[in-house]
Amino acid sequence: MATKGNGPAPLDPKVIKTLLDRLTTDDDFRELFQRDASAALAEAGHRAPSDTLRTGLSAAASAGTCLQMQAGASLASKEDIAAQRAKLESTLAMIQGFMCPPELLSSD
Protein backbone atom coordinates (compact mmCIF):
# COMPACT_ATOMS: atom_id res chain seq x y z
CA MET A 1 0.00 0.00 0.00
CA ALA A 2 1.25 3.44 -0.77
CA THR A 3 1.68 6.08 1.85
CA LYS A 4 1.00 9.78 1.77
CA GLY A 5 3.04 12.18 3.84
CA ASN A 6 5.42 10.77 6.41
CA GLY A 7 3.21 8.19 8.12
CA PRO A 8 3.23 4.46 7.56
CA ALA A 9 0.82 2.84 5.12
CA PRO A 10 -2.63 1.85 6.33
CA LEU A 11 -3.01 -1.71 7.55
CA ASP A 12 -4.32 -4.33 5.16
CA PRO A 13 -8.01 -5.11 5.86
CA LYS A 14 -7.17 -8.81 6.43
CA VAL A 15 -4.59 -7.82 9.06
CA ILE A 16 -7.10 -5.48 10.73
CA LYS A 17 -9.68 -8.27 10.89
CA THR A 18 -7.19 -10.74 12.37
CA LEU A 19 -5.84 -8.15 14.81
CA LEU A 20 -9.28 -7.21 16.14
CA ASP A 21 -10.51 -10.83 16.17
CA ARG A 22 -7.56 -11.83 18.32
CA LEU A 23 -7.71 -8.75 20.58
CA THR A 24 -11.31 -9.70 21.40
CA THR A 25 -10.70 -13.41 22.01
CA ASP A 26 -7.07 -14.32 22.75
CA ASP A 27 -5.54 -13.40 26.11
CA ASP A 28 -1.99 -14.37 25.09
CA PHE A 29 -2.23 -12.23 21.94
CA ARG A 30 -3.57 -9.31 23.98
CA GLU A 31 -0.53 -9.58 26.27
CA LEU A 32 1.79 -9.68 23.24
CA PHE A 33 0.10 -6.61 21.73
CA GLN A 34 0.54 -4.66 24.96
CA ARG A 35 4.18 -5.68 25.21
CA ASP A 36 5.20 -5.54 21.52
CA ALA A 37 2.68 -4.22 18.99
CA SER A 38 5.08 -4.88 16.08
CA ALA A 39 5.34 -8.57 16.98
CA ALA A 40 1.56 -8.81 17.41
CA LEU A 41 1.00 -7.21 14.00
CA ALA A 42 3.48 -9.60 12.40
CA GLU A 43 1.63 -12.51 14.02
CA ALA A 44 -1.62 -11.08 12.58
CA GLY A 45 -0.06 -11.14 9.09
CA HIS A 46 1.31 -7.60 8.73
CA ARG A 47 4.42 -7.22 6.64
CA ALA A 48 6.15 -3.84 6.71
CA PRO A 49 6.32 -2.27 3.25
CA SER A 50 9.62 -2.74 1.48
CA ASP A 51 9.61 0.81 0.11
CA THR A 52 10.72 2.60 3.30
CA LEU A 53 13.70 4.18 1.56
CA ARG A 54 11.52 5.55 -1.25
CA THR A 55 8.97 7.00 1.17
CA GLY A 56 11.59 8.37 3.54
CA LEU A 57 10.29 6.34 6.47
CA SER A 58 12.74 4.91 8.92
CA ALA A 59 12.30 1.38 10.17
CA ALA A 60 11.10 2.89 13.46
CA ALA A 61 8.15 4.62 11.75
CA SER A 62 6.20 1.42 11.33
CA ALA A 63 2.59 0.55 12.05
CA GLY A 64 3.77 -1.42 15.09
CA THR A 65 5.59 1.60 16.45
CA CYS A 66 2.51 3.75 15.91
CA LEU A 67 0.27 1.25 17.71
CA GLN A 68 2.66 0.62 20.58
CA MET A 69 0.94 1.62 23.80
CA GLN A 70 2.57 4.14 26.11
CA ALA A 71 4.15 2.80 29.30
CA GLY A 72 1.48 2.44 31.96
CA ALA A 73 -1.41 2.35 29.46
CA SER A 74 -3.81 -0.58 29.53
CA LEU A 75 -5.51 -2.30 26.65
CA ALA A 76 -9.28 -1.87 26.49
CA SER A 77 -11.36 -4.88 27.47
CA LYS A 78 -12.36 -7.45 24.89
CA GLU A 79 -15.93 -6.19 25.15
CA ASP A 80 -14.94 -2.54 24.66
CA ILE A 81 -12.84 -3.38 21.61
CA ALA A 82 -15.73 -5.42 20.18
CA ALA A 83 -18.12 -2.52 20.80
CA GLN A 84 -15.76 -0.10 19.01
CA ARG A 85 -14.85 -2.51 16.21
CA ALA A 86 -16.35 -0.53 13.31
CA LYS A 87 -14.56 2.65 14.42
CA LEU A 88 -11.29 0.75 14.93
CA GLU A 89 -11.55 -0.87 11.49
CA SER A 90 -12.00 2.56 9.94
CA THR A 91 -9.17 4.14 11.96
CA LEU A 92 -6.72 1.32 11.27
CA ALA A 93 -7.54 1.39 7.54
CA MET A 94 -6.34 5.00 7.31
CA ILE A 95 -2.76 6.16 7.31
CA GLN A 96 -1.46 5.67 10.80
CA GLY A 97 -0.58 8.55 13.05
CA PHE A 98 2.07 8.06 15.64
CA MET A 99 -0.08 6.95 18.55
CA CYS A 100 -2.30 4.07 19.51
CA PRO A 101 -6.01 4.69 18.72
CA PRO A 102 -7.83 5.67 21.91
CA GLU A 103 -10.43 2.94 21.33
CA LEU A 104 -7.76 0.33 22.06
CA LEU A 105 -6.95 1.87 25.44
CA SER A 106 -8.68 1.18 28.70
CA SER A 107 -10.54 4.12 30.19
CA ASP A 108 -9.56 3.05 33.72
PDB file of N, CA and C in Angstrom:
ATOM      1  N   MET A   1       0.839  -1.186   0.000  1.00  0.00           N
ATOM      2  CA  MET A   1       0.000   0.000   0.000  1.00  0.00           C
ATOM      3  C   MET A   1       0.878   1.242   0.000  1.00  0.00           C
ATOM      4  N   ALA A   2       0.471   2.207  -0.707  1.00  0.00           N
ATOM      5  CA  ALA A   2       1.246   3.445  -0.774  1.00  0.00           C
ATOM      6  C   ALA A   2       0.931   4.328   0.426  1.00  0.00           C
ATOM      7  N   THR A   3       1.889   5.151   0.752  1.00  0.00           N
ATOM      8  CA  THR A   3       1.679   6.084   1.852  1.00  0.00           C
ATOM      9  C   THR A   3       1.626   7.492   1.307  1.00  0.00           C
ATOM     10  N   LYS A   4       1.006   8.353   2.065  1.00  0.00           N
ATOM     11  CA  LYS A   4       1.004   9.781   1.767  1.00  0.00           C
ATOM     12  C   LYS A   4       1.637  10.459   2.965  1.00  0.00           C
ATOM     13  N   GLY A   5       2.413  11.481   2.727  1.00  0.00           N
ATOM     14  CA  GLY A   5       3.039  12.176   3.841  1.00  0.00           C
ATOM     15  C   GLY A   5       4.118  11.314   4.448  1.00  0.00           C
ATOM     16  N   ASN A   6       4.329  11.471   5.749  1.00  0.00           N
ATOM     17  CA  ASN A   6       5.418  10.767   6.411  1.00  0.00           C
ATOM     18  C   ASN A   6       4.964   9.637   7.300  1.00  0.00           C
ATOM     19  N   GLY A   7       3.695   9.277   7.269  1.00  0.00           N
ATOM     20  CA  GLY A   7       3.205   8.192   8.115  1.00  0.00           C
ATOM     21  C   GLY A   7       3.290   6.861   7.404  1.00  0.00           C
ATOM     22  N   PRO A   8       3.222   5.780   8.171  1.00  0.00           N
ATOM     23  CA  PRO A   8       3.227   4.457   7.564  1.00  0.00           C
ATOM     24  C   PRO A   8       1.948   4.217   6.768  1.00  0.00           C
ATOM     25  N   ALA A   9       1.990   3.217   5.920  1.00  0.00           N
ATOM     26  CA  ALA A   9       0.823   2.843   5.122  1.00  0.00           C
ATOM     27  C   ALA A   9      -0.283   2.319   6.030  1.00  0.00           C
ATOM     28  N   PRO A  10      -1.526   2.429   5.572  1.00  0.00           N
ATOM     29  CA  PRO A  10      -2.632   1.846   6.333  1.00  0.00           C
ATOM     30  C   PRO A  10      -2.453   0.339   6.430  1.00  0.00           C
ATOM     31  N   LEU A  11      -3.070  -0.255   7.410  1.00  0.00           N
ATOM     32  CA  LEU A  11      -3.014  -1.705   7.551  1.00  0.00           C
ATOM     33  C   LEU A  11      -3.928  -2.365   6.526  1.00  0.00           C
ATOM     34  N   ASP A  12      -3.521  -3.525   6.069  1.00  0.00           N
ATOM     35  CA  ASP A  12      -4.324  -4.328   5.163  1.00  0.00           C
ATOM     36  C   ASP A  12      -5.611  -4.754   5.882  1.00  0.00           C
ATOM     37  N   PRO A  13      -6.756  -4.718   5.219  1.00  0.00           N
ATOM     38  CA  PRO A  13      -8.014  -5.108   5.864  1.00  0.00           C
ATOM     39  C   PRO A  13      -7.991  -6.506   6.481  1.00  0.00           C
ATOM     40  N   LYS A  14      -7.274  -7.457   5.865  1.00  0.00           N
ATOM     41  CA  LYS A  14      -7.169  -8.810   6.433  1.00  0.00           C
ATOM     42  C   LYS A  14      -6.415  -8.776   7.758  1.00  0.00           C
ATOM     43  N   VAL A  15      -5.374  -7.961   7.828  1.00  0.00           N
ATOM     44  CA  VAL A  15      -4.591  -7.821   9.061  1.00  0.00           C
ATOM     45  C   VAL A  15      -5.456  -7.177  10.143  1.00  0.00           C
ATOM     46  N   ILE A  16      -6.210  -6.160   9.762  1.00  0.00           N
ATOM     47  CA  ILE A  16      -7.095  -5.484  10.725  1.00  0.00           C
ATOM     48  C   ILE A  16      -8.095  -6.480  11.295  1.00  0.00           C
ATOM     49  N   LYS A  17      -8.703  -7.288  10.436  1.00  0.00           N
ATOM     50  CA  LYS A  17      -9.681  -8.275  10.894  1.00  0.00           C
ATOM     51  C   LYS A  17      -9.038  -9.253  11.869  1.00  0.00           C
ATOM     52  N   THR A  18      -7.883  -9.784  11.501  1.00  0.00           N
ATOM     53  CA  THR A  18      -7.192 -10.737  12.369  1.00  0.00           C
ATOM     54  C   THR A  18      -6.796 -10.084  13.687  1.00  0.00           C
ATOM     55  N   LEU A  19      -6.249  -8.876  13.608  1.00  0.00           N
ATOM     56  CA  LEU A  19      -5.842  -8.154  14.808  1.00  0.00           C
ATOM     57  C   LEU A  19      -7.019  -7.976  15.768  1.00  0.00           C
ATOM     58  N   LEU A  20      -8.126  -7.467  15.267  1.00  0.00           N
ATOM     59  CA  LEU A  20      -9.283  -7.215  16.138  1.00  0.00           C
ATOM     60  C   LEU A  20      -9.940  -8.507  16.608  1.00  0.00           C
ATOM     61  N   ASP A  21      -9.979  -9.520  15.742  1.00  0.00           N
ATOM     62  CA  ASP A  21     -10.506 -10.827  16.171  1.00  0.00           C
ATOM     63  C   ASP A  21      -9.713 -11.351  17.362  1.00  0.00           C
ATOM     64  N   ARG A  22      -8.404 -11.278  17.263  1.00  0.00           N
ATOM     65  CA  ARG A  22      -7.557 -11.830  18.324  1.00  0.00           C
ATOM     66  C   ARG A  22      -7.547 -10.955  19.572  1.00  0.00           C
ATOM     67  N   LEU A  23      -7.655  -9.631  19.401  1.00  0.00           N
ATOM     68  CA  LEU A  23      -7.714  -8.752  20.577  1.00  0.00           C
ATOM     69  C   LEU A  23      -9.016  -8.925  21.355  1.00  0.00           C
ATOM     70  N   THR A  24     -10.032  -9.492  20.712  1.00  0.00           N
ATOM     71  CA  THR A  24     -11.307  -9.700  21.402  1.00  0.00           C
ATOM     72  C   THR A  24     -11.502 -11.135  21.877  1.00  0.00           C
ATOM     73  N   THR A  25     -10.512 -12.007  21.621  1.00  0.00           N
ATOM     74  CA  THR A  25     -10.702 -13.407  22.010  1.00  0.00           C
ATOM     75  C   THR A  25      -9.488 -14.081  22.649  1.00  0.00           C
ATOM     76  N   ASP A  26      -8.303 -13.594  22.422  1.00  0.00           N
ATOM     77  CA  ASP A  26      -7.071 -14.322  22.748  1.00  0.00           C
ATOM     78  C   ASP A  26      -6.242 -13.570  23.789  1.00  0.00           C
ATOM     79  N   ASP A  27      -6.252 -14.078  25.020  1.00  0.00           N
ATOM     80  CA  ASP A  27      -5.537 -13.396  26.109  1.00  0.00           C
ATOM     81  C   ASP A  27      -4.031 -13.325  25.875  1.00  0.00           C
ATOM     82  N   ASP A  28      -3.434 -14.390  25.344  1.00  0.00           N
ATOM     83  CA  ASP A  28      -1.989 -14.373  25.087  1.00  0.00           C
ATOM     84  C   ASP A  28      -1.642 -13.331  24.022  1.00  0.00           C
ATOM     85  N   PHE A  29      -2.466 -13.226  22.994  1.00  0.00           N
ATOM     86  CA  PHE A  29      -2.234 -12.232  21.940  1.00  0.00           C
ATOM     87  C   PHE A  29      -2.398 -10.819  22.494  1.00  0.00           C
ATOM     88  N   ARG A  30      -3.374 -10.621  23.360  1.00  0.00           N
ATOM     89  CA  ARG A  30      -3.570  -9.310  23.984  1.00  0.00           C
ATOM     90  C   ARG A  30      -2.326  -8.910  24.782  1.00  0.00           C
ATOM     91  N   GLU A  31      -1.752  -9.859  25.512  1.00  0.00           N
ATOM     92  CA  GLU A  31      -0.527  -9.576  26.268  1.00  0.00           C
ATOM     93  C   GLU A  31       0.616  -9.228  25.328  1.00  0.00           C
ATOM     94  N   LEU A  32       0.738  -9.974  24.219  1.00  0.00           N
ATOM     95  CA  LEU A  32       1.788  -9.682  23.235  1.00  0.00           C
ATOM     96  C   LEU A  32       1.594  -8.288  22.658  1.00  0.00           C
ATOM     97  N   PHE A  33       0.369  -7.926  22.297  1.00  0.00           N
ATOM     98  CA  PHE A  33       0.099  -6.609  21.727  1.00  0.00           C
ATOM     99  C   PHE A  33       0.502  -5.503  22.702  1.00  0.00           C
ATOM    100  N   GLN A  34       0.185  -5.670  23.964  1.00  0.00           N
ATOM    101  CA  GLN A  34       0.545  -4.657  24.965  1.00  0.00           C
ATOM    102  C   GLN A  34       2.053  -4.532  25.102  1.00  0.00           C
ATOM    103  N   ARG A  35       2.733  -5.656  25.018  1.00  0.00           N
ATOM    104  CA  ARG A  35       4.184  -5.680  25.211  1.00  0.00           C
ATOM    105  C   ARG A  35       4.941  -5.275  23.944  1.00  0.00           C
ATOM    106  N   ASP A  36       4.468  -5.749  22.770  1.00  0.00           N
ATOM    107  CA  ASP A  36       5.196  -5.543  21.522  1.00  0.00           C
ATOM    108  C   ASP A  36       4.214  -5.527  20.355  1.00  0.00           C
ATOM    109  N   ALA A  37       3.687  -4.350  20.047  1.00  0.00           N
ATOM    110  CA  ALA A  37       2.682  -4.225  18.986  1.00  0.00           C
ATOM    111  C   ALA A  37       3.226  -4.680  17.636  1.00  0.00           C
ATOM    112  N   SER A  38       4.497  -4.445  17.355  1.00  0.00           N
ATOM    113  CA  SER A  38       5.078  -4.882  16.077  1.00  0.00           C
ATOM    114  C   SER A  38       5.025  -6.394  15.947  1.00  0.00           C
ATOM    115  N   ALA A  39       5.378  -7.111  17.008  1.00  0.00           N
ATOM    116  CA  ALA A  39       5.341  -8.573  16.983  1.00  0.00           C
ATOM    117  C   ALA A  39       3.904  -9.073  16.839  1.00  0.00           C
ATOM    118  N   ALA A  40       2.968  -8.418  17.511  1.00  0.00           N
ATOM    119  CA  ALA A  40       1.561  -8.812  17.405  1.00  0.00           C
ATOM    120  C   ALA A  40       1.054  -8.592  15.984  1.00  0.00           C
ATOM    121  N   LEU A  41       1.416  -7.469  15.380  1.00  0.00           N
ATOM    122  CA  LEU A  41       0.997  -7.213  14.002  1.00  0.00           C
ATOM    123  C   LEU A  41       1.595  -8.246  13.043  1.00  0.00           C
ATOM    124  N   ALA A  42       2.850  -8.583  13.247  1.00  0.00           N
ATOM    125  CA  ALA A  42       3.477  -9.604  12.401  1.00  0.00           C
ATOM    126  C   ALA A  42       2.740 -10.929  12.556  1.00  0.00           C
ATOM    127  N   GLU A  43       2.375 -11.269  13.777  1.00  0.00           N
ATOM    128  CA  GLU A  43       1.630 -12.508  14.019  1.00  0.00           C
ATOM    129  C   GLU A  43       0.248 -12.457  13.366  1.00  0.00           C
ATOM    130  N   ALA A  44      -0.310 -11.253  13.232  1.00  0.00           N
ATOM    131  CA  ALA A  44      -1.616 -11.076  12.580  1.00  0.00           C
ATOM    132  C   ALA A  44      -1.490 -11.009  11.059  1.00  0.00           C
ATOM    133  N   GLY A  45      -0.261 -11.101  10.537  1.00  0.00           N
ATOM    134  CA  GLY A  45      -0.057 -11.140   9.091  1.00  0.00           C
ATOM    135  C   GLY A  45       0.485  -9.874   8.472  1.00  0.00           C
ATOM    136  N   HIS A  46       0.781  -8.860   9.277  1.00  0.00           N
ATOM    137  CA  HIS A  46       1.308  -7.602   8.732  1.00  0.00           C
ATOM    138  C   HIS A  46       2.759  -7.766   8.312  1.00  0.00           C
ATOM    139  N   ARG A  47       3.050  -7.268   7.128  1.00  0.00           N
ATOM    140  CA  ARG A  47       4.423  -7.215   6.642  1.00  0.00           C
ATOM    141  C   ARG A  47       4.725  -5.757   6.336  1.00  0.00           C
ATOM    142  N   ALA A  48       5.762  -5.235   6.947  1.00  0.00           N
ATOM    143  CA  ALA A  48       6.146  -3.844   6.711  1.00  0.00           C
ATOM    144  C   ALA A  48       6.458  -3.657   5.238  1.00  0.00           C
ATOM    145  N   PRO A  49       6.038  -2.519   4.669  1.00  0.00           N
ATOM    146  CA  PRO A  49       6.325  -2.275   3.251  1.00  0.00           C
ATOM    147  C   PRO A  49       7.817  -2.250   2.997  1.00  0.00           C
ATOM    148  N   SER A  50       8.196  -2.704   1.820  1.00  0.00           N
ATOM    149  CA  SER A  50       9.619  -2.737   1.477  1.00  0.00           C
ATOM    150  C   SER A  50      10.102  -1.424   0.882  1.00  0.00           C
ATOM    151  N   ASP A  51       9.216  -0.444   0.763  1.00  0.00           N
ATOM    152  CA  ASP A  51       9.608   0.815   0.115  1.00  0.00           C
ATOM    153  C   ASP A  51       9.915   1.927   1.122  1.00  0.00           C
ATOM    154  N   THR A  52      10.460   1.577   2.288  1.00  0.00           N
ATOM    155  CA  THR A  52      10.718   2.595   3.299  1.00  0.00           C
ATOM    156  C   THR A  52      11.741   3.620   2.835  1.00  0.00           C
ATOM    157  N   LEU A  53      12.708   3.211   2.042  1.00  0.00           N
ATOM    158  CA  LEU A  53      13.698   4.182   1.559  1.00  0.00           C
ATOM    159  C   LEU A  53      13.051   5.168   0.594  1.00  0.00           C
ATOM    160  N   ARG A  54      12.177   4.678  -0.276  1.00  0.00           N
ATOM    161  CA  ARG A  54      11.522   5.547  -1.248  1.00  0.00           C
ATOM    162  C   ARG A  54      10.607   6.545  -0.552  1.00  0.00           C
ATOM    163  N   THR A  55       9.915   6.116   0.497  1.00  0.00           N
ATOM    164  CA  THR A  55       8.970   7.000   1.173  1.00  0.00           C
ATOM    165  C   THR A  55       9.644   7.882   2.211  1.00  0.00           C
ATOM    166  N   GLY A  56      10.903   7.583   2.534  1.00  0.00           N
ATOM    167  CA  GLY A  56      11.594   8.373   3.543  1.00  0.00           C
ATOM    168  C   GLY A  56      11.283   7.942   4.964  1.00  0.00           C
ATOM    169  N   LEU A  57      10.596   6.828   5.119  1.00  0.00           N
ATOM    170  CA  LEU A  57      10.291   6.341   6.470  1.00  0.00           C
ATOM    171  C   LEU A  57      11.476   5.573   7.017  1.00  0.00           C
ATOM    172  N   SER A  58      11.728   5.741   8.276  1.00  0.00           N
ATOM    173  CA  SER A  58      12.739   4.915   8.915  1.00  0.00           C
ATOM    174  C   SER A  58      12.073   3.626   9.359  1.00  0.00           C
ATOM    175  N   ALA A  59      12.862   2.638   9.691  1.00  0.00           N
ATOM    176  CA  ALA A  59      12.303   1.383  10.170  1.00  0.00           C
ATOM    177  C   ALA A  59      11.480   1.601  11.431  1.00  0.00           C
ATOM    178  N   ALA A  60      11.819   2.626  12.213  1.00  0.00           N
ATOM    179  CA  ALA A  60      11.099   2.892  13.457  1.00  0.00           C
ATOM    180  C   ALA A  60       9.702   3.447  13.213  1.00  0.00           C
ATOM    181  N   ALA A  61       9.459   4.022  12.047  1.00  0.00           N
ATOM    182  CA  ALA A  61       8.151   4.619  11.754  1.00  0.00           C
ATOM    183  C   ALA A  61       7.239   3.575  11.131  1.00  0.00           C
ATOM    184  N   SER A  62       7.018   2.510  11.835  1.00  0.00           N
ATOM    185  CA  SER A  62       6.200   1.421  11.332  1.00  0.00           C
ATOM    186  C   SER A  62       4.839   1.435  12.000  1.00  0.00           C
ATOM    187  N   ALA A  63       3.915   0.662  11.446  1.00  0.00           N
ATOM    188  CA  ALA A  63       2.587   0.553  12.052  1.00  0.00           C
ATOM    189  C   ALA A  63       2.700   0.041  13.487  1.00  0.00           C
ATOM    190  N   GLY A  64       3.595  -0.892  13.729  1.00  0.00           N
ATOM    191  CA  GLY A  64       3.773  -1.416  15.088  1.00  0.00           C
ATOM    192  C   GLY A  64       4.233  -0.351  16.054  1.00  0.00           C
ATOM    193  N   THR A  65       5.131   0.504  15.611  1.00  0.00           N
ATOM    194  CA  THR A  65       5.591   1.605  16.455  1.00  0.00           C
ATOM    195  C   THR A  65       4.444   2.556  16.752  1.00  0.00           C
ATOM    196  N   CYS A  66       3.646   2.829  15.726  1.00  0.00           N
ATOM    197  CA  CYS A  66       2.508   3.745  15.909  1.00  0.00           C
ATOM    198  C   CYS A  66       1.476   3.179  16.874  1.00  0.00           C
ATOM    199  N   LEU A  67       1.283   1.871  16.857  1.00  0.00           N
ATOM    200  CA  LEU A  67       0.271   1.252  17.708  1.00  0.00           C
ATOM    201  C   LEU A  67       0.793   0.875  19.091  1.00  0.00           C
ATOM    202  N   GLN A  68       2.103   0.995  19.289  1.00  0.00           N
ATOM    203  CA  GLN A  68       2.657   0.623  20.585  1.00  0.00           C
ATOM    204  C   GLN A  68       2.075   1.518  21.672  1.00  0.00           C
ATOM    205  N   MET A  69       1.563   0.882  22.701  1.00  0.00           N
ATOM    206  CA  MET A  69       0.944   1.620  23.802  1.00  0.00           C
ATOM    207  C   MET A  69       2.009   2.284  24.662  1.00  0.00           C
ATOM    208  N   GLN A  70       1.665   3.434  25.205  1.00  0.00           N
ATOM    209  CA  GLN A  70       2.568   4.144  26.109  1.00  0.00           C
ATOM    210  C   GLN A  70       2.759   3.327  27.390  1.00  0.00           C
ATOM    211  N   ALA A  71       3.897   3.480  28.028  1.00  0.00           N
ATOM    212  CA  ALA A  71       4.151   2.804  29.303  1.00  0.00           C
ATOM    213  C   ALA A  71       3.048   3.183  30.289  1.00  0.00           C
ATOM    214  N   GLY A  72       2.526   2.206  30.977  1.00  0.00           N
ATOM    215  CA  GLY A  72       1.478   2.441  31.961  1.00  0.00           C
ATOM    216  C   GLY A  72       0.071   2.406  31.404  1.00  0.00           C
ATOM    217  N   ALA A  73      -0.077   2.420  30.064  1.00  0.00           N
ATOM    218  CA  ALA A  73      -1.411   2.352  29.457  1.00  0.00           C
ATOM    219  C   ALA A  73      -1.905   0.908  29.488  1.00  0.00           C
ATOM    220  N   SER A  74      -3.205   0.749  29.523  1.00  0.00           N
ATOM    221  CA  SER A  74      -3.809  -0.577  29.531  1.00  0.00           C
ATOM    222  C   SER A  74      -4.672  -0.758  28.294  1.00  0.00           C
ATOM    223  N   LEU A  75      -4.677  -1.961  27.784  1.00  0.00           N
ATOM    224  CA  LEU A  75      -5.509  -2.303  26.645  1.00  0.00           C
ATOM    225  C   LEU A  75      -6.971  -2.322  27.074  1.00  0.00           C
ATOM    226  N   ALA A  76      -7.844  -1.829  26.218  1.00  0.00           N
ATOM    227  CA  ALA A  76      -9.280  -1.870  26.491  1.00  0.00           C
ATOM    228  C   ALA A  76      -9.724  -3.328  26.628  1.00  0.00           C
ATOM    229  N   SER A  77     -10.830  -3.523  27.294  1.00  0.00           N
ATOM    230  CA  SER A  77     -11.356  -4.878  27.472  1.00  0.00           C
ATOM    231  C   SER A  77     -11.770  -5.469  26.126  1.00  0.00           C
ATOM    232  N   LYS A  78     -11.893  -6.774  26.096  1.00  0.00           N
ATOM    233  CA  LYS A  78     -12.357  -7.452  24.891  1.00  0.00           C
ATOM    234  C   LYS A  78     -13.710  -6.896  24.464  1.00  0.00           C
ATOM    235  N   GLU A  79     -14.574  -6.685  25.444  1.00  0.00           N
ATOM    236  CA  GLU A  79     -15.928  -6.188  25.155  1.00  0.00           C
ATOM    237  C   GLU A  79     -15.899  -4.769  24.599  1.00  0.00           C
ATOM    238  N   ASP A  80     -15.047  -3.919  25.146  1.00  0.00           N
ATOM    239  CA  ASP A  80     -14.943  -2.542  24.658  1.00  0.00           C
ATOM    240  C   ASP A  80     -14.380  -2.492  23.236  1.00  0.00           C
ATOM    241  N   ILE A  81     -13.396  -3.332  22.968  1.00  0.00           N
ATOM    242  CA  ILE A  81     -12.839  -3.379  21.614  1.00  0.00           C
ATOM    243  C   ILE A  81     -13.908  -3.880  20.639  1.00  0.00           C
ATOM    244  N   ALA A  82     -14.653  -4.906  21.037  1.00  0.00           N
ATOM    245  CA  ALA A  82     -15.726  -5.424  20.178  1.00  0.00           C
ATOM    246  C   ALA A  82     -16.773  -4.344  19.920  1.00  0.00           C
ATOM    247  N   ALA A  83     -17.115  -3.575  20.938  1.00  0.00           N
ATOM    248  CA  ALA A  83     -18.124  -2.521  20.800  1.00  0.00           C
ATOM    249  C   ALA A  83     -17.634  -1.400  19.882  1.00  0.00           C
ATOM    250  N   GLN A  84     -16.339  -1.171  19.831  1.00  0.00           N
ATOM    251  CA  GLN A  84     -15.755  -0.099  19.011  1.00  0.00           C
ATOM    252  C   GLN A  84     -15.170  -0.619  17.698  1.00  0.00           C
ATOM    253  N   ARG A  85     -15.487  -1.855  17.358  1.00  0.00           N
ATOM    254  CA  ARG A  85     -14.847  -2.513  16.212  1.00  0.00           C
ATOM    255  C   ARG A  85     -14.983  -1.714  14.918  1.00  0.00           C
ATOM    256  N   ALA A  86     -16.165  -1.253  14.579  1.00  0.00           N
ATOM    257  CA  ALA A  86     -16.346  -0.528  13.313  1.00  0.00           C
ATOM    258  C   ALA A  86     -15.459   0.710  13.266  1.00  0.00           C
ATOM    259  N   LYS A  87     -15.397   1.442  14.367  1.00  0.00           N
ATOM    260  CA  LYS A  87     -14.561   2.645  14.420  1.00  0.00           C
ATOM    261  C   LYS A  87     -13.081   2.265  14.308  1.00  0.00           C
ATOM    262  N   LEU A  88     -12.681   1.203  14.998  1.00  0.00           N
ATOM    263  CA  LEU A  88     -11.294   0.754  14.928  1.00  0.00           C
ATOM    264  C   LEU A  88     -10.932   0.302  13.518  1.00  0.00           C
ATOM    265  N   GLU A  89     -11.831  -0.434  12.864  1.00  0.00           N
ATOM    266  CA  GLU A  89     -11.552  -0.870  11.492  1.00  0.00           C
ATOM    267  C   GLU A  89     -11.320   0.337  10.594  1.00  0.00           C
ATOM    268  N   SER A  90     -12.143   1.356  10.748  1.00  0.00           N
ATOM    269  CA  SER A  90     -12.001   2.565   9.945  1.00  0.00           C
ATOM    270  C   SER A  90     -10.694   3.289  10.257  1.00  0.00           C
ATOM    271  N   THR A  91     -10.394   3.449  11.533  1.00  0.00           N
ATOM    272  CA  THR A  91      -9.173   4.140  11.957  1.00  0.00           C
ATOM    273  C   THR A  91      -7.929   3.407  11.474  1.00  0.00           C
ATOM    274  N   LEU A  92      -7.900   2.090  11.642  1.00  0.00           N
ATOM    275  CA  LEU A  92      -6.722   1.317  11.269  1.00  0.00           C
ATOM    276  C   LEU A  92      -6.552   1.207   9.759  1.00  0.00           C
ATOM    277  N   ALA A  93      -7.613   1.441   9.001  1.00  0.00           N
ATOM    278  CA  ALA A  93      -7.535   1.385   7.539  1.00  0.00           C
ATOM    279  C   ALA A  93      -7.017   2.695   6.942  1.00  0.00           C
ATOM    280  N   MET A  94      -6.892   3.730   7.774  1.00  0.00           N
ATOM    281  CA  MET A  94      -6.340   4.999   7.309  1.00  0.00           C
ATOM    282  C   MET A  94      -4.844   5.025   7.588  1.00  0.00           C
ATOM    283  N   ILE A  95      -4.177   6.005   7.021  1.00  0.00           N
ATOM    284  CA  ILE A  95      -2.757   6.163   7.309  1.00  0.00           C
ATOM    285  C   ILE A  95      -2.596   6.360   8.802  1.00  0.00           C
ATOM    286  N   GLN A  96      -1.671   5.635   9.368  1.00  0.00           N
ATOM    287  CA  GLN A  96      -1.465   5.671  10.797  1.00  0.00           C
ATOM    288  C   GLN A  96      -0.823   6.974  11.251  1.00  0.00           C
ATOM    289  N   GLY A  97      -1.263   7.452  12.390  1.00  0.00           N
ATOM    290  CA  GLY A  97      -0.578   8.546  13.050  1.00  0.00           C
ATOM    291  C   GLY A  97       0.557   7.934  13.845  1.00  0.00           C
ATOM    292  N   PHE A  98       0.983   8.600  14.839  1.00  0.00           N
ATOM    293  CA  PHE A  98       2.073   8.056  15.636  1.00  0.00           C
ATOM    294  C   PHE A  98       1.639   7.820  17.066  1.00  0.00           C
ATOM    295  N   MET A  99       0.401   7.309  17.218  1.00  0.00           N
ATOM    296  CA  MET A  99      -0.080   6.948  18.549  1.00  0.00           C
ATOM    297  C   MET A  99      -1.144   5.867  18.421  1.00  0.00           C
ATOM    298  N   CYS A 100      -1.319   5.135  19.472  1.00  0.00           N
ATOM    299  CA  CYS A 100      -2.303   4.068  19.513  1.00  0.00           C
ATOM    300  C   CYS A 100      -3.708   4.670  19.505  1.00  0.00           C
ATOM    301  N   PRO A 101      -4.647   4.139  18.704  1.00  0.00           N
ATOM    302  CA  PRO A 101      -6.005   4.688  18.715  1.00  0.00           C
ATOM    303  C   PRO A 101      -6.616   4.614  20.116  1.00  0.00           C
ATOM    304  N   PRO A 102      -7.292   5.650  20.556  1.00  0.00           N
ATOM    305  CA  PRO A 102      -7.832   5.666  21.908  1.00  0.00           C
ATOM    306  C   PRO A 102      -8.830   4.548  22.174  1.00  0.00           C
ATOM    307  N   GLU A 103      -9.470   4.027  21.141  1.00  0.00           N
ATOM    308  CA  GLU A 103     -10.434   2.943  21.325  1.00  0.00           C
ATOM    309  C   GLU A 103      -9.780   1.641  21.772  1.00  0.00           C
ATOM    310  N   LEU A 104      -8.469   1.525  21.604  1.00  0.00           N
ATOM    311  CA  LEU A 104      -7.758   0.327  22.064  1.00  0.00           C
ATOM    312  C   LEU A 104      -7.288   0.456  23.507  1.00  0.00           C
ATOM    313  N   LEU A 105      -7.433   1.637  24.085  1.00  0.00           N
ATOM    314  CA  LEU A 105      -6.949   1.867  25.439  1.00  0.00           C
ATOM    315  C   LEU A 105      -8.064   1.759  26.457  1.00  0.00           C
ATOM    316  N   SER A 106      -7.733   1.258  27.601  1.00  0.00           N
ATOM    317  CA  SER A 106      -8.683   1.176  28.698  1.00  0.00           C
ATOM    318  C   SER A 106      -8.956   2.574  29.230  1.00  0.00           C
ATOM    319  N   SER A 107     -10.196   2.816  29.628  1.00  0.00           N
ATOM    320  CA  SER A 107     -10.542   4.124  30.188  1.00  0.00           C
ATOM    321  C   SER A 107     -10.329   4.183  31.685  1.00  0.00           C
ATOM    322  N   ASP A 108      -9.827   3.096  32.264  1.00  0.00           N
ATOM    323  CA  ASP A 108      -9.562   3.051  33.720  1.00  0.00           C
ATOM    324  C   ASP A 108      -8.397   3.921  34.105  1.00  0.00           C
TER     325      ASP A 108
END
